[in-house]
Amino acid sequence: MSLELKAVQVRLSEDAYEALRMIADVNDQDLGEAARLILTESLLGKSHVVKVTAERFARATTSGNKR
């Protein structure tokens, strides 16, 4: 089963590009694959934090403090 992947283009600073190249080399990946994995991990992690924060906020504002 293969996932449908969406195309995205990004522009990186020279430092970020060199870091990506180093990571890709160490992991024996091409630049696109390394970038996809790093970006996916970061996006899913950050979106999880946003979801958990929203759930906590919703519970805090609706639990028992009604006067």
Protein backbone atom coordinates (compact mmCIF):
# COMPACT_ATOMS: atom_id res chain seq x y z
CA MET A 1 0.00 0.00 0.00
CA SER A 2 1.53 3.32 -1.03
CA LEU A 3 0.55 6.68 0.33
CA GLU A 4 -0.50 9.52 -1.92
CA LEU A 5 2.14 12.18 -1.41
CA LYS A 6 1.58 15.88 -2.07
CA ALA A 7 4.30 17.95 -3.72
CA VAL A 8 5.75 20.92 -1.82
CA GLN A 9 8.59 23.25 -2.74
CA VAL A 10 10.71 25.01 -0.14
CA ARG A 11 13.64 27.38 -0.22
CA LEU A 12 16.33 26.83 2.39
CA SER A 13 19.07 29.05 3.68
CA GLU A 14 22.59 27.92 2.87
CA ASP A 15 23.03 26.66 6.45
CA ALA A 16 19.77 24.71 6.40
CA TYR A 17 20.63 23.21 3.00
CA GLU A 18 24.04 22.08 4.23
CA ALA A 19 22.44 20.56 7.33
CA LEU A 20 19.93 18.70 5.16
CA ARG A 21 22.70 17.47 2.87
CA MET A 22 24.71 16.23 5.84
CA ILE A 23 21.69 14.40 7.32
CA ALA A 24 20.84 12.87 3.95
CA ASP A 25 24.43 11.70 3.46
CA VAL A 26 24.65 10.14 6.91
CA ASN A 27 21.36 8.31 6.38
CA ASP A 28 22.20 7.34 2.78
CA GLN A 29 19.12 9.16 1.44
CA ASP A 30 18.57 11.61 -1.34
CA LEU A 31 17.80 15.20 -0.35
CA GLY A 32 14.08 14.93 -1.11
CA GLU A 33 13.59 11.82 1.03
CA ALA A 34 15.53 13.29 3.94
CA ALA A 35 13.59 16.55 3.71
CA ARG A 36 10.27 14.68 3.55
CA LEU A 37 11.05 12.64 6.64
CA ILE A 38 12.28 15.63 8.66
CA LEU A 39 9.35 17.82 7.62
CA THR A 40 6.79 15.07 8.29
CA GLU A 41 8.21 14.40 11.77
CA SER A 42 8.23 18.10 12.62
CA LEU A 43 4.73 18.82 11.29
CA LEU A 44 3.12 15.82 12.97
CA GLY A 45 4.86 16.63 16.26
CA LYS A 46 3.84 20.28 16.21
CA SER A 47 0.26 19.49 15.20
CA HIS A 48 0.03 17.01 18.09
CA VAL A 49 1.12 19.74 20.52
CA VAL A 50 -1.53 22.08 19.10
CA LYS A 51 -4.25 19.42 19.43
CA VAL A 52 -3.30 18.53 23.02
CA THR A 53 -3.14 22.21 23.99
CA ALA A 54 -6.57 22.86 22.46
CA GLU A 55 -8.06 19.85 24.28
CA ARG A 56 -6.60 20.98 27.60
CA PHE A 57 -7.86 24.52 27.07
CA ALA A 58 -11.34 23.24 26.21
CA ARG A 59 -11.43 21.08 29.37
CA ALA A 60 -10.13 23.93 31.54
CA THR A 61 -12.75 26.38 30.33
CA THR A 62 -15.70 24.00 30.55
CA SER A 63 -15.04 22.10 33.78
CA GLY A 64 -17.04 23.14 36.81
CA ASN A 65 -16.25 26.86 36.94
CA LYS A 66 -19.76 27.99 36.09
CA ARG A 67 -21.20 30.61 38.47
